[in-house]
Amino acid sequence: MRRYREQKIRSVGELKKLIGALELDEGIRLLGNNPNFKGGGFIFITKSRGKYCVNFCDRVRDKDLGAYVPGGKEEFHYTAKAEEVWSMVEDRFATPLRASIY
């Protein structure tokens, strides 16, 4: 049985490349830097049926898990173009970059 594994995205260049090459069974999670969302929010990027979904959501602390999780306010955007995904997220993620592909 193959185990699920996240991989850290190490650079903005790598992030941009991975957005363009995203497979249907993959997703990207970024720590956000968006004042409109609690804790700066999370950004999730997925792809389905030839379209990207970009989900901006609150980043809230789950006391039972002792970790930050997505929750609360959410905002969804859809596009067929990787360039449009990049323009949606390029100034909304935290620096230094904290992102993973899963």
PDB file of N, CA and C in Angstrom:
ATOM      1  N   MET A   1       0.842  -1.182   0.000  1.00  0.00           N
ATOM      2  CA  MET A   1       0.000   0.000   0.000  1.00  0.00           C
ATOM      3  C   MET A   1       0.886   1.242   0.000  1.00  0.00           C
ATOM      4  N   ARG A   2       0.567   2.170  -0.859  1.00  0.00           N
ATOM      5  CA  ARG A   2       1.325   3.417  -0.937  1.00  0.00           C
ATOM      6  C   ARG A   2       0.780   4.418   0.072  1.00  0.00           C
ATOM      7  N   ARG A   3       1.671   5.037   0.801  1.00  0.00           N
ATOM      8  CA  ARG A   3       1.247   5.991   1.831  1.00  0.00           C
ATOM      9  C   ARG A   3       1.184   7.399   1.280  1.00  0.00           C
ATOM     10  N   TYR A   4       0.247   8.148   1.801  1.00  0.00           N
ATOM     11  CA  TYR A   4       0.062   9.545   1.470  1.00  0.00           C
ATOM     12  C   TYR A   4       1.225  10.353   2.047  1.00  0.00           C
ATOM     13  N   ARG A   5       1.731  11.317   1.264  1.00  0.00           N
ATOM     14  CA  ARG A   5       2.843  12.104   1.750  1.00  0.00           C
ATOM     15  C   ARG A   5       2.775  13.521   1.192  1.00  0.00           C
ATOM     16  N   GLU A   6       2.893  14.483   2.073  1.00  0.00           N
ATOM     17  CA  GLU A   6       2.995  15.878   1.659  1.00  0.00           C
ATOM     18  C   GLU A   6       4.450  16.196   1.372  1.00  0.00           C
ATOM     19  N   GLN A   7       4.651  17.116   0.442  1.00  0.00           N
ATOM     20  CA  GLN A   7       6.009  17.583   0.171  1.00  0.00           C
ATOM     21  C   GLN A   7       6.027  19.102   0.303  1.00  0.00           C
ATOM     22  N   LYS A   8       7.026  19.577   1.000  1.00  0.00           N
ATOM     23  CA  LYS A   8       7.184  21.012   1.176  1.00  0.00           C
ATOM     24  C   LYS A   8       7.565  21.661  -0.152  1.00  0.00           C
ATOM     25  N   ILE A   9       6.964  22.802  -0.437  1.00  0.00           N
ATOM     26  CA  ILE A   9       7.324  23.602  -1.604  1.00  0.00           C
ATOM     27  C   ILE A   9       8.355  24.609  -1.122  1.00  0.00           C
ATOM     28  N   ARG A  10       9.521  24.598  -1.725  1.00  0.00           N
ATOM     29  CA  ARG A  10      10.659  25.336  -1.190  1.00  0.00           C
ATOM     30  C   ARG A  10      10.870  26.741  -1.747  1.00  0.00           C
ATOM     31  N   SER A  11      10.239  27.079  -2.866  1.00  0.00           N
ATOM     32  CA  SER A  11      10.471  28.403  -3.436  1.00  0.00           C
ATOM     33  C   SER A  11       9.240  28.886  -4.190  1.00  0.00           C
ATOM     34  N   VAL A  12       9.175  30.182  -4.407  1.00  0.00           N
ATOM     35  CA  VAL A  12       8.078  30.773  -5.166  1.00  0.00           C
ATOM     36  C   VAL A  12       8.113  30.259  -6.609  1.00  0.00           C
ATOM     37  N   GLY A  13       9.296  30.102  -7.170  1.00  0.00           N
ATOM     38  CA  GLY A  13       9.425  29.558  -8.520  1.00  0.00           C
ATOM     39  C   GLY A  13       8.866  28.146  -8.621  1.00  0.00           C
ATOM     40  N   GLU A  14       9.162  27.331  -7.614  1.00  0.00           N
ATOM     41  CA  GLU A  14       8.638  25.966  -7.584  1.00  0.00           C
ATOM     42  C   GLU A  14       7.112  25.995  -7.455  1.00  0.00           C
ATOM     43  N   LEU A  15       6.594  26.880  -6.616  1.00  0.00           N
ATOM     44  CA  LEU A  15       5.144  27.024  -6.453  1.00  0.00           C
ATOM     45  C   LEU A  15       4.481  27.354  -7.784  1.00  0.00           C
ATOM     46  N   LYS A  16       5.025  28.330  -8.475  1.00  0.00           N
ATOM     47  CA  LYS A  16       4.455  28.750  -9.751  1.00  0.00           C
ATOM     48  C   LYS A  16       4.455  27.592 -10.761  1.00  0.00           C
ATOM     49  N   LYS A  17       5.538  26.840 -10.792  1.00  0.00           N
ATOM     50  CA  LYS A  17       5.652  25.691 -11.697  1.00  0.00           C
ATOM     51  C   LYS A  17       4.635  24.611 -11.329  1.00  0.00           C
ATOM     52  N   LEU A  18       4.486  24.328 -10.046  1.00  0.00           N
ATOM     53  CA  LEU A  18       3.558  23.293  -9.594  1.00  0.00           C
ATOM     54  C   LEU A  18       2.106  23.656  -9.875  1.00  0.00           C
ATOM     55  N   ILE A  19       1.761  24.928  -9.786  1.00  0.00           N
ATOM     56  CA  ILE A  19       0.395  25.345 -10.123  1.00  0.00           C
ATOM     57  C   ILE A  19       0.090  24.955 -11.567  1.00  0.00           C
ATOM     58  N   GLY A  20       1.017  25.244 -12.473  1.00  0.00           N
ATOM     59  CA  GLY A  20       0.809  24.932 -13.881  1.00  0.00           C
ATOM     60  C   GLY A  20       0.764  23.449 -14.181  1.00  0.00           C
ATOM     61  N   ALA A  21       1.403  22.643 -13.342  1.00  0.00           N
ATOM     62  CA  ALA A  21       1.491  21.203 -13.583  1.00  0.00           C
ATOM     63  C   ALA A  21       0.586  20.394 -12.655  1.00  0.00           C
ATOM     64  N   LEU A  22      -0.318  21.046 -11.933  1.00  0.00           N
ATOM     65  CA  LEU A  22      -1.150  20.375 -10.932  1.00  0.00           C
ATOM     66  C   LEU A  22      -1.988  19.267 -11.562  1.00  0.00           C
ATOM     67  N   GLU A  23      -1.929  18.095 -10.960  1.00  0.00           N
ATOM     68  CA  GLU A  23      -2.702  16.927 -11.408  1.00  0.00           C
ATOM     69  C   GLU A  23      -4.045  16.903 -10.684  1.00  0.00           C
ATOM     70  N   LEU A  24      -4.983  16.136 -11.221  1.00  0.00           N
ATOM     71  CA  LEU A  24      -6.325  16.073 -10.647  1.00  0.00           C
ATOM     72  C   LEU A  24      -6.356  15.520  -9.222  1.00  0.00           C
ATOM     73  N   ASP A  25      -5.422  14.666  -8.866  1.00  0.00           N
ATOM     74  CA  ASP A  25      -5.418  14.069  -7.536  1.00  0.00           C
ATOM     75  C   ASP A  25      -4.468  14.778  -6.573  1.00  0.00           C
ATOM     76  N   GLU A  26      -4.016  15.979  -6.931  1.00  0.00           N
ATOM     77  CA  GLU A  26      -3.105  16.750  -6.083  1.00  0.00           C
ATOM     78  C   GLU A  26      -3.775  18.038  -5.618  1.00  0.00           C
ATOM     79  N   GLY A  27      -3.186  18.632  -4.617  1.00  0.00           N
ATOM     80  CA  GLY A  27      -3.614  19.936  -4.134  1.00  0.00           C
ATOM     81  C   GLY A  27      -2.435  20.672  -3.538  1.00  0.00           C
ATOM     82  N   ILE A  28      -2.569  21.976  -3.445  1.00  0.00           N
ATOM     83  CA  ILE A  28      -1.528  22.819  -2.847  1.00  0.00           C
ATOM     84  C   ILE A  28      -2.159  23.577  -1.687  1.00  0.00           C
ATOM     85  N   ARG A  29      -1.445  23.606  -0.568  1.00  0.00           N
ATOM     86  CA  ARG A  29      -1.888  24.366   0.611  1.00  0.00           C
ATOM     87  C   ARG A  29      -0.829  25.415   0.922  1.00  0.00           C
ATOM     88  N   LEU A  30      -1.279  26.652   1.072  1.00  0.00           N
ATOM     89  CA  LEU A  30      -0.375  27.750   1.418  1.00  0.00           C
ATOM     90  C   LEU A  30      -0.864  28.432   2.685  1.00  0.00           C
ATOM     91  N   LEU A  31       0.061  28.880   3.487  1.00  0.00           N
ATOM     92  CA  LEU A  31      -0.278  29.742   4.606  1.00  0.00           C
ATOM     93  C   LEU A  31      -0.520  31.120   4.028  1.00  0.00           C
ATOM     94  N   GLY A  32      -1.654  31.716   4.348  1.00  0.00           N
ATOM     95  CA  GLY A  32      -2.006  32.999   3.778  1.00  0.00           C
ATOM     96  C   GLY A  32      -1.452  34.183   4.554  1.00  0.00           C
ATOM     97  N   ASN A  33      -1.520  35.317   3.913  1.00  0.00           N
ATOM     98  CA  ASN A  33      -1.168  36.603   4.510  1.00  0.00           C
ATOM     99  C   ASN A  33      -2.249  37.591   4.101  1.00  0.00           C
ATOM    100  N   ASN A  34      -3.473  37.253   4.470  1.00  0.00           N
ATOM    101  CA  ASN A  34      -4.623  38.019   4.022  1.00  0.00           C
ATOM    102  C   ASN A  34      -5.363  38.576   5.239  1.00  0.00           C
ATOM    103  N   PRO A  35      -5.392  39.892   5.403  1.00  0.00           N
ATOM    104  CA  PRO A  35      -6.046  40.479   6.572  1.00  0.00           C
ATOM    105  C   PRO A  35      -7.550  40.253   6.615  1.00  0.00           C
ATOM    106  N   ASN A  36      -8.156  39.827   5.516  1.00  0.00           N
ATOM    107  CA  ASN A  36      -9.597  39.570   5.483  1.00  0.00           C
ATOM    108  C   ASN A  36      -9.968  38.210   6.061  1.00  0.00           C
ATOM    109  N   PHE A  37      -8.959  37.401   6.414  1.00  0.00           N
ATOM    110  CA  PHE A  37      -9.208  36.072   6.952  1.00  0.00           C
ATOM    111  C   PHE A  37      -8.464  35.893   8.266  1.00  0.00           C
ATOM    112  N   LYS A  38      -9.109  35.227   9.233  1.00  0.00           N
ATOM    113  CA  LYS A  38      -8.506  34.993  10.546  1.00  0.00           C
ATOM    114  C   LYS A  38      -7.160  34.301  10.407  1.00  0.00           C
ATOM    115  N   GLY A  39      -6.189  34.774  11.178  1.00  0.00           N
ATOM    116  CA  GLY A  39      -4.859  34.179  11.174  1.00  0.00           C
ATOM    117  C   GLY A  39      -4.132  34.301   9.849  1.00  0.00           C
ATOM    118  N   GLY A  40      -4.580  35.202   8.981  1.00  0.00           N
ATOM    119  CA  GLY A  40      -3.997  35.335   7.648  1.00  0.00           C
ATOM    120  C   GLY A  40      -4.582  34.357   6.654  1.00  0.00           C
ATOM    121  N   GLY A  41      -5.276  33.340   7.173  1.00  0.00           N
ATOM    122  CA  GLY A  41      -5.966  32.371   6.336  1.00  0.00           C
ATOM    123  C   GLY A  41      -5.081  31.302   5.739  1.00  0.00           C
ATOM    124  N   PHE A  42      -5.733  30.375   5.109  1.00  0.00           N
ATOM    125  CA  PHE A  42      -5.103  29.354   4.290  1.00  0.00           C
ATOM    126  C   PHE A  42      -5.554  29.575   2.858  1.00  0.00           C
ATOM    127  N   ILE A  43      -4.753  29.102   1.915  1.00  0.00           N
ATOM    128  CA  ILE A  43      -5.125  29.087   0.508  1.00  0.00           C
ATOM    129  C   ILE A  43      -4.960  27.653   0.030  1.00  0.00           C
ATOM    130  N   PHE A  44      -6.009  27.101  -0.570  1.00  0.00           N
ATOM    131  CA  PHE A  44      -5.964  25.762  -1.141  1.00  0.00           C
ATOM    132  C   PHE A  44      -6.189  25.884  -2.637  1.00  0.00           C
ATOM    133  N   ILE A  45      -5.366  25.181  -3.410  1.00  0.00           N
ATOM    134  CA  ILE A  45      -5.495  25.162  -4.862  1.00  0.00           C
ATOM    135  C   ILE A  45      -5.665  23.718  -5.295  1.00  0.00           C
ATOM    136  N   THR A  46      -6.763  23.442  -5.998  1.00  0.00           N
ATOM    137  CA  THR A  46      -7.012  22.110  -6.534  1.00  0.00           C
ATOM    138  C   THR A  46      -7.423  22.244  -7.996  1.00  0.00           C
ATOM    139  N   LYS A  47      -7.534  21.111  -8.657  1.00  0.00           N
ATOM    140  CA  LYS A  47      -7.923  21.122 -10.066  1.00  0.00           C
ATOM    141  C   LYS A  47      -8.887  19.964 -10.307  1.00  0.00           C
ATOM    142  N   SER A  48      -9.986  20.252 -11.014  1.00  0.00           N
ATOM    143  CA  SER A  48     -10.979  19.239 -11.315  1.00  0.00           C
ATOM    144  C   SER A  48     -11.648  19.583 -12.636  1.00  0.00           C
ATOM    145  N   ARG A  49     -11.796  18.584 -13.478  1.00  0.00           N
ATOM    146  CA  ARG A  49     -12.461  18.762 -14.771  1.00  0.00           C
ATOM    147  C   ARG A  49     -11.884  19.921 -15.580  1.00  0.00           C
ATOM    148  N   GLY A  50     -10.558  20.068 -15.525  1.00  0.00           N
ATOM    149  CA  GLY A  50      -9.887  21.094 -16.318  1.00  0.00           C
ATOM    150  C   GLY A  50      -9.941  22.490 -15.742  1.00  0.00           C
ATOM    151  N   LYS A  51     -10.532  22.648 -14.551  1.00  0.00           N
ATOM    152  CA  LYS A  51     -10.595  23.970 -13.917  1.00  0.00           C
ATOM    153  C   LYS A  51      -9.916  23.935 -12.561  1.00  0.00           C
ATOM    154  N   TYR A  52      -9.288  25.042 -12.254  1.00  0.00           N
ATOM    155  CA  TYR A  52      -8.685  25.218 -10.936  1.00  0.00           C
ATOM    156  C   TYR A  52      -9.733  25.775  -9.981  1.00  0.00           C
ATOM    157  N   CYS A  53      -9.636  25.353  -8.738  1.00  0.00           N
ATOM    158  CA  CYS A  53     -10.422  25.946  -7.659  1.00  0.00           C
ATOM    159  C   CYS A  53      -9.431  26.539  -6.675  1.00  0.00           C
ATOM    160  N   VAL A  54      -9.588  27.812  -6.367  1.00  0.00           N
ATOM    161  CA  VAL A  54      -8.762  28.485  -5.370  1.00  0.00           C
ATOM    162  C   VAL A  54      -9.674  28.817  -4.202  1.00  0.00           C
ATOM    163  N   ASN A  55      -9.367  28.254  -3.044  1.00  0.00           N
ATOM    164  CA  ASN A  55     -10.171  28.438  -1.839  1.00  0.00           C
ATOM    165  C   ASN A  55      -9.363  29.227  -0.814  1.00  0.00           C
ATOM    166  N   PHE A  56      -9.873  30.399  -0.460  1.00  0.00           N
ATOM    167  CA  PHE A  56      -9.313  31.199   0.624  1.00  0.00           C
ATOM    168  C   PHE A  56     -10.204  30.965   1.829  1.00  0.00           C
ATOM    169  N   CYS A  57      -9.603  30.673   2.989  1.00  0.00           N
ATOM    170  CA  CYS A  57     -10.413  30.416   4.179  1.00  0.00           C
ATOM    171  C   CYS A  57      -9.675  30.865   5.442  1.00  0.00           C
ATOM    172  N   ASP A  58     -10.466  31.004   6.510  1.00  0.00           N
ATOM    173  CA  ASP A  58      -9.894  31.359   7.803  1.00  0.00           C
ATOM    174  C   ASP A  58      -8.951  30.261   8.286  1.00  0.00           C
ATOM    175  N   ARG A  59      -8.013  30.665   9.111  1.00  0.00           N
ATOM    176  CA  ARG A  59      -7.066  29.755   9.776  1.00  0.00           C
ATOM    177  C   ARG A  59      -7.356  29.853  11.261  1.00  0.00           C
ATOM    178  N   VAL A  60      -7.971  28.812  11.812  1.00  0.00           N
ATOM    179  CA  VAL A  60      -8.402  28.852  13.207  1.00  0.00           C
ATOM    180  C   VAL A  60      -7.710  27.764  14.020  1.00  0.00           C
ATOM    181  N   ARG A  61      -7.541  28.033  15.283  1.00  0.00           N
ATOM    182  CA  ARG A  61      -6.865  27.087  16.186  1.00  0.00           C
ATOM    183  C   ARG A  61      -7.874  26.088  16.729  1.00  0.00           C
ATOM    184  N   ASP A  62      -7.602  24.816  16.531  1.00  0.00           N
ATOM    185  CA  ASP A  62      -8.409  23.739  17.099  1.00  0.00           C
ATOM    186  C   ASP A  62      -7.732  23.324  18.398  1.00  0.00           C
ATOM    187  N   LYS A  63      -8.365  23.627  19.515  1.00  0.00           N
ATOM    188  CA  LYS A  63      -7.768  23.351  20.829  1.00  0.00           C
ATOM    189  C   LYS A  63      -7.580  21.859  21.072  1.00  0.00           C
ATOM    190  N   ASP A  64      -8.502  21.030  20.597  1.00  0.00           N
ATOM    191  CA  ASP A  64      -8.389  19.582  20.800  1.00  0.00           C
ATOM    192  C   ASP A  64      -7.209  18.998  20.027  1.00  0.00           C
ATOM    193  N   LEU A  65      -7.019  19.463  18.804  1.00  0.00           N
ATOM    194  CA  LEU A  65      -5.902  18.971  17.989  1.00  0.00           C
ATOM    195  C   LEU A  65      -4.584  19.657  18.317  1.00  0.00           C
ATOM    196  N   GLY A  66      -4.689  20.872  18.872  1.00  0.00           N
ATOM    197  CA  GLY A  66      -3.477  21.650  19.131  1.00  0.00           C
ATOM    198  C   GLY A  66      -2.831  22.130  17.844  1.00  0.00           C
ATOM    199  N   ALA A  67      -3.668  22.406  16.833  1.00  0.00           N
ATOM    200  CA  ALA A  67      -3.149  22.801  15.525  1.00  0.00           C
ATOM    201  C   ALA A  67      -4.103  23.788  14.864  1.00  0.00           C
ATOM    202  N   TYR A  68      -3.585  24.480  13.853  1.00  0.00           N
ATOM    203  CA  TYR A  68      -4.424  25.372  13.056  1.00  0.00           C
ATOM    204  C   TYR A  68      -5.093  24.568  11.952  1.00  0.00           C
ATOM    205  N   VAL A  69      -6.365  24.845  11.737  1.00  0.00           N
ATOM    206  CA  VAL A  69      -7.155  24.140  10.726  1.00  0.00           C
ATOM    207  C   VAL A  69      -7.961  25.150   9.923  1.00  0.00           C
ATOM    208  N   PRO A  70      -8.404  24.759   8.725  1.00  0.00           N
ATOM    209  CA  PRO A  70      -9.294  25.628   7.961  1.00  0.00           C
ATOM    210  C   PRO A  70     -10.652  25.679   8.642  1.00  0.00           C
ATOM    211  N   GLY A  71     -11.278  26.812   8.606  1.00  0.00           N
ATOM    212  CA  GLY A  71     -12.602  26.921   9.199  1.00  0.00           C
ATOM    213  C   GLY A  71     -13.173  28.311   9.043  1.00  0.00           C
ATOM    214  N   GLY A  72     -14.427  28.463   9.387  1.00  0.00           N
ATOM    215  CA  GLY A  72     -15.054  29.777   9.339  1.00  0.00           C
ATOM    216  C   GLY A  72     -15.321  30.251   7.924  1.00  0.00           C
ATOM    217  N   LYS A  73     -14.929  31.485   7.676  1.00  0.00           N
ATOM    218  CA  LYS A  73     -15.191  32.143   6.390  1.00  0.00           C
ATOM    219  C   LYS A  73     -14.412  31.475   5.262  1.00  0.00           C
ATOM    220  N   GLU A  74     -15.098  31.290   4.118  1.00  0.00           N
ATOM    221  CA  GLU A  74     -14.463  30.725   2.925  1.00  0.00           C
ATOM    222  C   GLU A  74     -14.857  31.529   1.698  1.00  0.00           C
ATOM    223  N   GLU A  75     -13.966  31.535   0.729  1.00  0.00           N
ATOM    224  CA  GLU A  75     -14.193  32.236  -0.539  1.00  0.00           C
ATOM    225  C   GLU A  75     -13.624  31.354  -1.648  1.00  0.00           C
ATOM    226  N   PHE A  76     -14.441  31.033  -2.666  1.00  0.00           N
ATOM    227  CA  PHE A  76     -14.026  30.154  -3.748  1.00  0.00           C
ATOM    228  C   PHE A  76     -13.953  30.918  -5.063  1.00  0.00           C
ATOM    229  N   HIS A  77     -12.918  30.613  -5.842  1.00  0.00           N
ATOM    230  CA  HIS A  77     -12.733  31.200  -7.169  1.00  0.00           C
ATOM    231  C   HIS A  77     -12.383  30.072  -8.128  1.00  0.00           C
ATOM    232  N   TYR A  78     -12.870  30.172  -9.369  1.00  0.00           N
ATOM    233  CA  TYR A  78     -12.638  29.128 -10.367  1.00  0.00           C
ATOM    234  C   TYR A  78     -12.085  29.748 -11.642  1.00  0.00           C
ATOM    235  N   THR A  79     -11.144  29.051 -12.263  1.00  0.00           N
ATOM    236  CA  THR A  79     -10.567  29.489 -13.526  1.00  0.00           C
ATOM    237  C   THR A  79      -9.951  28.288 -14.237  1.00  0.00           C
ATOM    238  N   ALA A  80      -9.825  28.394 -15.542  1.00  0.00           N
ATOM    239  CA  ALA A  80      -9.188  27.332 -16.319  1.00  0.00           C
ATOM    240  C   ALA A  80      -7.708  27.608 -16.554  1.00  0.00           C
ATOM    241  N   LYS A  81      -7.231  28.786 -16.163  1.00  0.00           N
ATOM    242  CA  LYS A  81      -5.861  29.194 -16.498  1.00  0.00           C
ATOM    243  C   LYS A  81      -4.961  29.298 -15.263  1.00  0.00           C
ATOM    244  N   ALA A  82      -3.798  28.646 -15.360  1.00  0.00           N
ATOM    245  CA  ALA A  82      -2.813  28.692 -14.271  1.00  0.00           C
ATOM    246  C   ALA A  82      -2.349  30.126 -14.022  1.00  0.00           C
ATOM    247  N   GLU A  83      -2.245  30.929 -15.066  1.00  0.00           N
ATOM    248  CA  GLU A  83      -1.808  32.328 -14.919  1.00  0.00           C
ATOM    249  C   GLU A  83      -2.790  33.127 -14.064  1.00  0.00           C
ATOM    250  N   GLU A  84      -4.071  32.836 -14.197  1.00  0.00           N
ATOM    251  CA  GLU A  84      -5.079  33.520 -13.380  1.00  0.00           C
ATOM    252  C   GLU A  84      -5.011  33.070 -11.929  1.00  0.00           C
ATOM    253  N   VAL A  85      -4.709  31.788 -11.711  1.00  0.00           N
ATOM    254  CA  VAL A  85      -4.512  31.298 -10.340  1.00  0.00           C
ATOM    255  C   VAL A  85      -3.363  32.071  -9.705  1.00  0.00           C
ATOM    256  N   TRP A  86      -2.261  32.175 -10.432  1.00  0.00           N
ATOM    257  CA  TRP A  86      -1.094  32.883  -9.909  1.00  0.00           C
ATOM    258  C   TRP A  86      -1.449  34.321  -9.559  1.00  0.00           C
ATOM    259  N   SER A  87      -2.189  34.999 -10.417  1.00  0.00           N
ATOM    260  CA  SER A  87      -2.525  36.401 -10.129  1.00  0.00           C
ATOM    261  C   SER A  87      -3.443  36.517  -8.911  1.00  0.00           C
ATOM    262  N   MET A  88      -4.244  35.489  -8.635  1.00  0.00           N
ATOM    263  CA  MET A  88      -5.108  35.498  -7.441  1.00  0.00           C
ATOM    264  C   MET A  88      -4.312  35.337  -6.153  1.00  0.00           C
ATOM    265  N   VAL A  89      -3.234  34.538  -6.200  1.00  0.00           N
ATOM    266  CA  VAL A  89      -2.537  34.173  -4.961  1.00  0.00           C
ATOM    267  C   VAL A  89      -1.213  34.883  -4.738  1.00  0.00           C
ATOM    268  N   GLU A  90      -0.614  35.472  -5.774  1.00  0.00           N
ATOM    269  CA  GLU A  90       0.773  35.937  -5.680  1.00  0.00           C
ATOM    270  C   GLU A  90       1.036  36.943  -4.570  1.00  0.00           C
ATOM    271  N   ASP A  91       0.057  37.739  -4.190  1.00  0.00           N
ATOM    272  CA  ASP A  91       0.288  38.705  -3.109  1.00  0.00           C
ATOM    273  C   ASP A  91      -0.526  38.380  -1.861  1.00  0.00           C
ATOM    274  N   ARG A  92      -1.032  37.149  -1.776  1.00  0.00           N
ATOM    275  CA  ARG A  92      -1.883  36.781  -0.656  1.00  0.00           C
ATOM    276  C   ARG A  92      -1.329  35.635   0.187  1.00  0.00           C
ATOM    277  N   PHE A  93      -0.107  35.165  -0.114  1.00  0.00           N
ATOM    278  CA  PHE A  93       0.474  34.105   0.718  1.00  0.00           C
ATOM    279  C   PHE A  93       1.584  34.685   1.589  1.00  0.00           C
ATOM    280  N   ALA A  94       1.831  33.997   2.702  1.00  0.00           N
ATOM    281  CA  ALA A  94       2.808  34.459   3.688  1.00  0.00           C
ATOM    282  C   ALA A  94       4.230  34.322   3.155  1.00  0.00           C
ATOM    283  N   THR A  95       5.074  35.243   3.577  1.00  0.00           N
ATOM    284  CA  THR A  95       6.505  35.134   3.316  1.00  0.00           C
ATOM    285  C   THR A  95       7.212  35.151   4.659  1.00  0.00           C
ATOM    286  N   PRO A  96       8.188  34.292   4.888  1.00  0.00           N
ATOM    287  CA  PRO A  96       8.665  33.310   3.933  1.00  0.00           C
ATOM    288  C   PRO A  96       7.568  32.302   3.584  1.00  0.00           C
ATOM    289  N   LEU A  97       7.695  31.735   2.401  1.00  0.00           N
ATOM    290  CA  LEU A  97       6.720  30.797   1.872  1.00  0.00           C
ATOM    291  C   LEU A  97       6.574  29.581   2.786  1.00  0.00           C
ATOM    292  N   ARG A  98       5.323  29.279   3.110  1.00  0.00           N
ATOM    293  CA  ARG A  98       5.009  28.049   3.864  1.00  0.00           C
ATOM    294  C   ARG A  98       3.915  27.338   3.079  1.00  0.00           C
ATOM    295  N   ALA A  99       4.325  26.386   2.249  1.00  0.00           N
ATOM    296  CA  ALA A  99       3.402  25.716   1.348  1.00  0.00           C
ATOM    297  C   ALA A  99       3.775  24.252   1.180  1.00  0.00           C
ATOM    298  N   SER A 100       2.770  23.458   0.853  1.00  0.00           N
ATOM    299  CA  SER A 100       2.971  22.029   0.611  1.00  0.00           C
ATOM    300  C   SER A 100       2.084  21.582  -0.539  1.00  0.00           C
ATOM    301  N   ILE A 101       2.553  20.553  -1.228  1.00  0.00           N
ATOM    302  CA  ILE A 101       1.736  19.878  -2.227  1.00  0.00           C
ATOM    303  C   ILE A 101       1.356  18.537  -1.637  1.00  0.00           C
ATOM    304  N   TYR A 102       0.133  18.156  -1.828  1.00  0.00           N
ATOM    305  CA  TYR A 102      -0.356  16.887  -1.284  1.00  0.00           C
ATOM    306  C   TYR A 102      -1.095  16.091  -2.336  1.00  0.00           C
TER     307      TYR A 102
END
